C-alpha cells in the first residue's frame, strides 16, 4: 500500500487518489509549435529517481496537487503538512 500525502486531507491510500502523470510546464498557447504540443501531451521521461507528479484526491478534497516522489523507492520529498500554508497563501 502506498500512502500519498495529500496537502489538504493528509496521508491517503493511493487507491483513494488518481495519478495524473508527470508534472511539467505547459507550453505557451500563443507561441508553441505543433511539435512542442505533441511533446507536452504525449512524451514522458519516466526516470528511476525523483519526479514531480500530479495527483487528484478523488475521495477526499477533490483537488489536484503536485508532489515529488522517488519512483524507485516511492519515498516522497518534503511531503506537505495538511492545514499548512501552501505557496505562501493561506
C-alpha atoms as a PDB file:
ATOM      1  CA  UNK A   1       0.000   0.000   0.000  1.00  0.00           C
ATOM      2  CA  UNK A   2       1.297   3.437  -0.961  1.00  0.00           C
ATOM      3  CA  UNK A   3       0.352   6.307   1.373  1.00  0.00           C
ATOM      4  CA  UNK A   4       0.276   9.545  -0.616  1.00  0.00           C
ATOM      5  CA  UNK A   5       0.479  12.774   1.440  1.00  0.00           C
ATOM      6  CA  UNK A   6      -2.462  14.903   0.253  1.00  0.00           C
ATOM      7  CA  UNK A   7      -1.732  18.514   1.292  1.00  0.00           C
ATOM      8  CA  UNK A   8      -5.412  19.038   2.153  1.00  0.00           C
ATOM      9  CA  UNK A   9      -6.595  15.697   3.632  1.00  0.00           C
ATOM     10  CA  UNK A  10      -3.375  14.202   4.988  1.00  0.00           C
ATOM     11  CA  UNK A  11      -1.977  10.763   4.104  1.00  0.00           C
ATOM     12  CA  UNK A  12      -4.327   8.796   1.836  1.00  0.00           C
ATOM     13  CA  UNK A  13      -4.154   5.341   0.332  1.00  0.00           C
ATOM     14  CA  UNK A  14      -3.134   5.618  -3.332  1.00  0.00           C
ATOM     15  CA  UNK A  15      -6.391   3.857  -4.268  1.00  0.00           C
ATOM     16  CA  UNK A  16      -8.239   6.986  -2.999  1.00  0.00           C
ATOM     17  CA  UNK A  17      -6.324   9.140  -5.495  1.00  0.00           C
ATOM     18  CA  UNK A  18      -5.802   9.300  -9.240  1.00  0.00           C
ATOM     19  CA  UNK A  19      -2.268   9.528 -10.606  1.00  0.00           C
ATOM     20  CA  UNK A  20      -2.249  12.077 -13.425  1.00  0.00           C
ATOM     21  CA  UNK A  21       1.374  11.730 -14.535  1.00  0.00           C
ATOM     22  CA  UNK A  22       4.486  13.844 -14.653  1.00  0.00           C
ATOM     23  CA  UNK A  23       4.107  17.495 -13.796  1.00  0.00           C
ATOM     24  CA  UNK A  24       5.810  19.803 -16.274  1.00  0.00           C
ATOM     25  CA  UNK A  25       5.261  23.305 -17.590  1.00  0.00           C
ATOM     26  CA  UNK A  26       2.567  23.813 -20.185  1.00  0.00           C
ATOM     27  CA  UNK A  27       3.726  25.467 -23.439  1.00  0.00           C
ATOM     28  CA  UNK A  28       2.579  28.997 -24.234  1.00  0.00           C
ATOM     29  CA  UNK A  29      -0.562  28.538 -26.384  1.00  0.00           C
ATOM     30  CA  UNK A  30       0.222  31.702 -28.340  1.00  0.00           C
ATOM     31  CA  UNK A  31       3.696  30.679 -29.479  1.00  0.00           C
ATOM     32  CA  UNK A  32       4.018  26.867 -29.136  1.00  0.00           C
ATOM     33  CA  UNK A  33       4.631  24.792 -32.226  1.00  0.00           C
ATOM     34  CA  UNK A  34       2.802  21.571 -33.019  1.00  0.00           C
ATOM     35  CA  UNK A  35       5.927  19.627 -32.023  1.00  0.00           C
ATOM     36  CA  UNK A  36       6.023  21.353 -28.608  1.00  0.00           C
ATOM     37  CA  UNK A  37       2.355  20.486 -28.002  1.00  0.00           C
ATOM     38  CA  UNK A  38       2.887  16.890 -29.107  1.00  0.00           C
ATOM     39  CA  UNK A  39       5.826  16.557 -26.721  1.00  0.00           C
ATOM     40  CA  UNK A  40       3.850  18.126 -23.852  1.00  0.00           C
ATOM     41  CA  UNK A  41       0.839  15.862 -24.367  1.00  0.00           C
ATOM     42  CA  UNK A  42       2.433  12.509 -25.176  1.00  0.00           C
ATOM     43  CA  UNK A  43       6.082  12.323 -24.132  1.00  0.00           C
ATOM     44  CA  UNK A  44       7.144  11.426 -20.586  1.00  0.00           C
ATOM     45  CA  UNK A  45      10.624  10.995 -19.117  1.00  0.00           C
ATOM     46  CA  UNK A  46       9.782   8.070 -16.772  1.00  0.00           C
ATOM     47  CA  UNK A  47      13.077   8.241 -14.832  1.00  0.00           C
ATOM     48  CA  UNK A  48      14.137   5.997 -11.970  1.00  0.00           C
ATOM     49  CA  UNK A  49      14.546   8.698  -9.343  1.00  0.00           C
ATOM     50  CA  UNK A  50      12.930  11.953  -8.273  1.00  0.00           C
ATOM     51  CA  UNK A  51       9.961  13.097 -10.334  1.00  0.00           C
ATOM     52  CA  UNK A  52       7.359  15.856  -9.933  1.00  0.00           C
ATOM     53  CA  UNK A  53       3.926  14.248 -10.255  1.00  0.00           C
ATOM     54  CA  UNK A  54       0.346  15.478 -10.401  1.00  0.00           C
ATOM     55  CA  UNK A  55      -2.261  13.663  -8.283  1.00  0.00           C
ATOM     56  CA  UNK A  56      -6.026  14.095  -7.840  1.00  0.00           C
ATOM     57  CA  UNK A  57      -7.730  13.363  -4.493  1.00  0.00           C
ATOM     58  CA  UNK A  58     -10.967  11.787  -5.719  1.00  0.00           C
ATOM     59  CA  UNK A  59     -12.432  10.573  -2.412  1.00  0.00           C
ATOM     60  CA  UNK A  60     -11.464  13.442  -0.117  1.00  0.00           C
ATOM     61  CA  UNK A  61     -10.955  17.107  -1.004  1.00  0.00           C
ATOM     62  CA  UNK A  62     -11.353  16.582  -4.797  1.00  0.00           C
ATOM     63  CA  UNK A  63      -8.323  18.747  -5.590  1.00  0.00           C
ATOM     64  CA  UNK A  64      -5.265  18.426  -7.806  1.00  0.00           C
ATOM     65  CA  UNK A  65      -1.812  18.730  -6.232  1.00  0.00           C
ATOM     66  CA  UNK A  66       1.849  18.212  -7.161  1.00  0.00           C
ATOM     67  CA  UNK A  67       4.335  16.089  -5.194  1.00  0.00           C
ATOM     68  CA  UNK A  68       7.920  14.946  -5.647  1.00  0.00           C
ATOM     69  CA  UNK A  69       8.312  11.159  -5.464  1.00  0.00           C
ATOM     70  CA  UNK A  70      11.283   8.851  -5.912  1.00  0.00           C
ATOM     71  CA  UNK A  71       9.948   6.371  -8.462  1.00  0.00           C
ATOM     72  CA  UNK A  72      12.455   3.718  -7.357  1.00  0.00           C
ATOM     73  CA  UNK A  73      11.599   3.772  -3.625  1.00  0.00           C
ATOM     74  CA  UNK A  74       8.161   5.516  -3.509  1.00  0.00           C
ATOM     75  CA  UNK A  75       9.575   7.995  -0.982  1.00  0.00           C
ATOM     76  CA  UNK A  76       8.045  11.488  -1.014  1.00  0.00           C
ATOM     77  CA  UNK A  77      10.343  14.537  -0.770  1.00  0.00           C
ATOM     78  CA  UNK A  78       9.172  17.376   1.516  1.00  0.00           C
ATOM     79  CA  UNK A  79       5.656  15.974   1.935  1.00  0.00           C
ATOM     80  CA  UNK A  80       3.077  18.688   2.631  1.00  0.00           C
ATOM     81  CA  UNK A  81       1.512  19.123   6.058  1.00  0.00           C
ATOM     82  CA  UNK A  82      -2.314  19.399   5.964  1.00  0.00           C
ATOM     83  CA  UNK A  83      -3.510  22.844   7.014  1.00  0.00           C
ATOM     84  CA  UNK A  84      -0.103  24.469   6.446  1.00  0.00           C
ATOM     85  CA  UNK A  85       0.240  27.431   4.137  1.00  0.00           C
ATOM     86  CA  UNK A  86       0.871  26.330   0.555  1.00  0.00           C
ATOM     87  CA  UNK A  87       2.968  28.532  -1.675  1.00  0.00           C
ATOM     88  CA  UNK A  88       2.820  31.443   0.767  1.00  0.00           C
ATOM     89  CA  UNK A  89      -1.010  31.593   0.673  1.00  0.00           C
ATOM     90  CA  UNK A  90      -3.470  30.643   3.381  1.00  0.00           C
END
